[in-house]
Amino acid sequence: MDLLVLFFVASIIGAATVAWVIYWTTNRASASAITQYFKASEHILETGKPPPDWLVAPVWKRLLGKPSGTETETRALDRLEELIRFFEHCSFYEDEFAREEHLAQLESVRQAWQSVKFP
């Protein structure tokens, strides 16, 4: 009977540890992703250009051959669309006016990137 109780206590401690590690890892990853979105937005609004890491092709494409400029532009526009969608649903704004202002700035950058040669 003592062995059964010991096994039960060890199982609860193990499950709690696994749950804590999953919780900690998830929070760390989401905080990192959120930080990357805000840094990318800040860079775009300050310079009018995509962040440098957006212009780097994935490793497998670099190994197979140099990607064309059109692919890089398309990838950057797709990332900008993803960024805009994130900020449409983001809850880190003081009020709705701040969200609308930020989205309007990102929309103007998107229109600029689509209408003329990529910066």
C-alpha atoms as a PDB file:
ATOM      1  CA  MET A   1       0.000   0.000   0.000  1.00  0.00           C
ATOM      2  CA  ASP A   2       2.851   2.402   0.792  1.00  0.00           C
ATOM      3  CA  LEU A   3       4.311   1.815  -2.650  1.00  0.00           C
ATOM      4  CA  LEU A   4       0.986   2.692  -4.266  1.00  0.00           C
ATOM      5  CA  VAL A   5       0.736   5.974  -2.323  1.00  0.00           C
ATOM      6  CA  LEU A   6       4.339   6.814  -3.206  1.00  0.00           C
ATOM      7  CA  PHE A   7       3.626   6.131  -6.879  1.00  0.00           C
ATOM      8  CA  PHE A   8       0.504   8.317  -6.725  1.00  0.00           C
ATOM      9  CA  VAL A   9       2.384  11.239  -5.098  1.00  0.00           C
ATOM     10  CA  ALA A  10       5.266  10.925  -7.571  1.00  0.00           C
ATOM     11  CA  SER A  11       2.788  10.891 -10.479  1.00  0.00           C
ATOM     12  CA  ILE A  12       1.082  14.051  -9.218  1.00  0.00           C
ATOM     13  CA  ILE A  13       4.436  15.798  -8.776  1.00  0.00           C
ATOM     14  CA  GLY A  14       5.530  14.687 -12.256  1.00  0.00           C
ATOM     15  CA  ALA A  15       2.291  15.830 -13.877  1.00  0.00           C
ATOM     16  CA  ALA A  16       2.483  19.189 -12.080  1.00  0.00           C
ATOM     17  CA  THR A  17       6.083  19.640 -13.247  1.00  0.00           C
ATOM     18  CA  VAL A  18       5.180  18.825 -16.855  1.00  0.00           C
ATOM     19  CA  ALA A  19       2.210  21.205 -16.706  1.00  0.00           C
ATOM     20  CA  TRP A  20       4.410  23.977 -15.295  1.00  0.00           C
ATOM     21  CA  VAL A  21       7.042  23.464 -18.026  1.00  0.00           C
ATOM     22  CA  ILE A  22       4.363  23.587 -20.730  1.00  0.00           C
ATOM     23  CA  TYR A  23       2.870  26.746 -19.210  1.00  0.00           C
ATOM     24  CA  TRP A  24       6.272  28.441 -18.879  1.00  0.00           C
ATOM     25  CA  THR A  25       7.349  27.516 -22.425  1.00  0.00           C
ATOM     26  CA  THR A  26       4.068  28.705 -23.922  1.00  0.00           C
ATOM     27  CA  ASN A  27       4.237  32.037 -22.116  1.00  0.00           C
ATOM     28  CA  ARG A  28       7.844  32.549 -23.147  1.00  0.00           C
ATOM     29  CA  ALA A  29       7.128  31.737 -26.804  1.00  0.00           C
ATOM     30  CA  SER A  30       4.058  33.970 -26.967  1.00  0.00           C
ATOM     31  CA  ALA A  31       5.915  36.857 -25.315  1.00  0.00           C
ATOM     32  CA  SER A  32       8.698  36.454 -27.861  1.00  0.00           C
ATOM     33  CA  ALA A  33       6.247  36.427 -30.784  1.00  0.00           C
ATOM     34  CA  ILE A  34       4.410  39.495 -29.486  1.00  0.00           C
ATOM     35  CA  THR A  35       7.716  41.334 -29.035  1.00  0.00           C
ATOM     36  CA  GLN A  36       8.698  40.475 -32.618  1.00  0.00           C
ATOM     37  CA  TYR A  37       5.411  41.863 -33.951  1.00  0.00           C
ATOM     38  CA  PHE A  38       5.846  45.154 -32.117  1.00  0.00           C
ATOM     39  CA  LYS A  39       9.521  45.477 -33.133  1.00  0.00           C
ATOM     40  CA  ALA A  40       8.648  44.794 -36.768  1.00  0.00           C
ATOM     41  CA  SER A  41       5.856  47.372 -36.657  1.00  0.00           C
ATOM     42  CA  GLU A  42       8.143  49.947 -35.098  1.00  0.00           C
ATOM     43  CA  HIS A  43      10.836  49.341 -37.737  1.00  0.00           C
ATOM     44  CA  ILE A  44       8.339  49.573 -40.595  1.00  0.00           C
ATOM     45  CA  LEU A  45       6.777  52.798 -39.354  1.00  0.00           C
ATOM     46  CA  GLU A  46      10.161  54.431 -38.696  1.00  0.00           C
ATOM     47  CA  THR A  47      11.910  53.466 -41.924  1.00  0.00           C
ATOM     48  CA  GLY A  48       9.124  52.584 -44.350  1.00  0.00           C
ATOM     49  CA  LYS A  49      11.021  49.391 -45.165  1.00  0.00           C
ATOM     50  CA  PRO A  50      10.536  45.800 -44.041  1.00  0.00           C
ATOM     51  CA  PRO A  51      12.703  44.494 -41.207  1.00  0.00           C
ATOM     52  CA  PRO A  52      15.925  42.897 -42.450  1.00  0.00           C
ATOM     53  CA  ASP A  53      14.929  39.428 -41.267  1.00  0.00           C
ATOM     54  CA  TRP A  54      11.834  39.570 -43.491  1.00  0.00           C
ATOM     55  CA  LEU A  55      14.043  39.864 -46.565  1.00  0.00           C
ATOM     56  CA  VAL A  56      16.100  36.773 -45.822  1.00  0.00           C
ATOM     57  CA  ALA A  57      14.911  33.706 -47.684  1.00  0.00           C
ATOM     58  CA  PRO A  58      14.347  30.464 -45.794  1.00  0.00           C
ATOM     59  CA  VAL A  59      17.404  28.229 -45.509  1.00  0.00           C
ATOM     60  CA  TRP A  60      16.062  25.590 -47.851  1.00  0.00           C
ATOM     61  CA  LYS A  61      15.463  28.190 -50.592  1.00  0.00           C
ATOM     62  CA  ARG A  62      18.953  29.604 -50.149  1.00  0.00           C
ATOM     63  CA  LEU A  63      20.425  26.115 -50.467  1.00  0.00           C
ATOM     64  CA  LEU A  64      18.467  25.365 -53.647  1.00  0.00           C
ATOM     65  CA  GLY A  65      19.274  28.658 -55.303  1.00  0.00           C
ATOM     66  CA  LYS A  66      18.960  32.385 -54.910  1.00  0.00           C
ATOM     67  CA  PRO A  67      15.300  33.430 -54.607  1.00  0.00           C
ATOM     68  CA  SER A  68      14.069  36.099 -56.979  1.00  0.00           C
ATOM     69  CA  GLY A  69      13.292  39.628 -55.865  1.00  0.00           C
ATOM     70  CA  THR A  70       9.601  39.056 -56.571  1.00  0.00           C
ATOM     71  CA  GLU A  71       9.511  36.191 -54.069  1.00  0.00           C
ATOM     72  CA  THR A  72      11.131  38.425 -51.446  1.00  0.00           C
ATOM     73  CA  GLU A  73       8.600  41.202 -52.108  1.00  0.00           C
ATOM     74  CA  THR A  74       5.688  38.768 -51.927  1.00  0.00           C
ATOM     75  CA  ARG A  75       6.991  37.274 -48.690  1.00  0.00           C
ATOM     76  CA  ALA A  76       7.398  40.737 -47.135  1.00  0.00           C
ATOM     77  CA  LEU A  77       3.877  41.767 -48.196  1.00  0.00           C
ATOM     78  CA  ASP A  78       2.498  38.524 -46.755  1.00  0.00           C
ATOM     79  CA  ARG A  79       4.295  39.190 -43.475  1.00  0.00           C
ATOM     80  CA  LEU A  80       2.875  42.741 -43.436  1.00  0.00           C
ATOM     81  CA  GLU A  81      -0.631  41.301 -43.936  1.00  0.00           C
ATOM     82  CA  GLU A  82      -0.015  38.943 -41.004  1.00  0.00           C
ATOM     83  CA  LEU A  83       1.191  41.888 -38.915  1.00  0.00           C
ATOM     84  CA  ILE A  84      -1.921  43.914 -39.720  1.00  0.00           C
ATOM     85  CA  ARG A  85      -4.188  40.967 -38.841  1.00  0.00           C
ATOM     86  CA  PHE A  86      -2.374  40.605 -35.511  1.00  0.00           C
ATOM     87  CA  PHE A  87      -2.895  44.257 -34.612  1.00  0.00           C
ATOM     88  CA  GLU A  88      -6.571  44.118 -35.647  1.00  0.00           C
ATOM     89  CA  HIS A  89      -7.202  41.637 -32.808  1.00  0.00           C
ATOM     90  CA  CYS A  90      -4.458  42.699 -30.393  1.00  0.00           C
ATOM     91  CA  SER A  91      -5.575  43.799 -26.932  1.00  0.00           C
ATOM     92  CA  PHE A  92      -2.479  45.821 -26.021  1.00  0.00           C
ATOM     93  CA  TYR A  93      -3.890  49.246 -26.875  1.00  0.00           C
ATOM     94  CA  GLU A  94      -5.050  51.961 -24.496  1.00  0.00           C
ATOM     95  CA  ASP A  95      -8.187  52.577 -26.497  1.00  0.00           C
ATOM     96  CA  GLU A  96      -9.727  51.923 -29.876  1.00  0.00           C
ATOM     97  CA  PHE A  97      -8.449  55.227 -31.283  1.00  0.00           C
ATOM     98  CA  ALA A  98      -4.826  54.132 -30.743  1.00  0.00           C
ATOM     99  CA  ARG A  99      -5.524  50.846 -32.540  1.00  0.00           C
ATOM    100  CA  GLU A 100      -7.180  52.591 -35.476  1.00  0.00           C
ATOM    101  CA  GLU A 101      -4.318  55.072 -35.756  1.00  0.00           C
ATOM    102  CA  HIS A 102      -1.708  52.322 -35.758  1.00  0.00           C
ATOM    103  CA  LEU A 103      -3.647  50.261 -38.304  1.00  0.00           C
ATOM    104  CA  ALA A 104      -4.073  53.317 -40.543  1.00  0.00           C
ATOM    105  CA  GLN A 105      -0.303  53.845 -40.542  1.00  0.00           C
ATOM    106  CA  LEU A 106       0.319  50.198 -41.416  1.00  0.00           C
ATOM    107  CA  GLU A 107      -2.335  50.335 -44.153  1.00  0.00           C
ATOM    108  CA  SER A 108      -0.630  53.352 -45.726  1.00  0.00           C
ATOM    109  CA  VAL A 109       2.677  51.471 -45.723  1.00  0.00           C
ATOM    110  CA  ARG A 110       0.986  48.476 -47.351  1.00  0.00           C
ATOM    111  CA  GLN A 111      -0.494  50.672 -50.071  1.00  0.00           C
ATOM    112  CA  ALA A 112       2.904  52.282 -50.660  1.00  0.00           C
ATOM    113  CA  TRP A 113       4.583  48.884 -50.957  1.00  0.00           C
ATOM    114  CA  GLN A 114       1.927  47.625 -53.363  1.00  0.00           C
ATOM    115  CA  SER A 115       1.742  50.713 -55.577  1.00  0.00           C
ATOM    116  CA  VAL A 116       5.420  51.370 -56.282  1.00  0.00           C
ATOM    117  CA  LYS A 117       8.616  49.387 -56.572  1.00  0.00           C
ATOM    118  CA  PHE A 118       9.412  47.671 -53.320  1.00  0.00           C
ATOM    119  CA  PRO A 119      11.587  49.823 -50.991  1.00  0.00           C
END
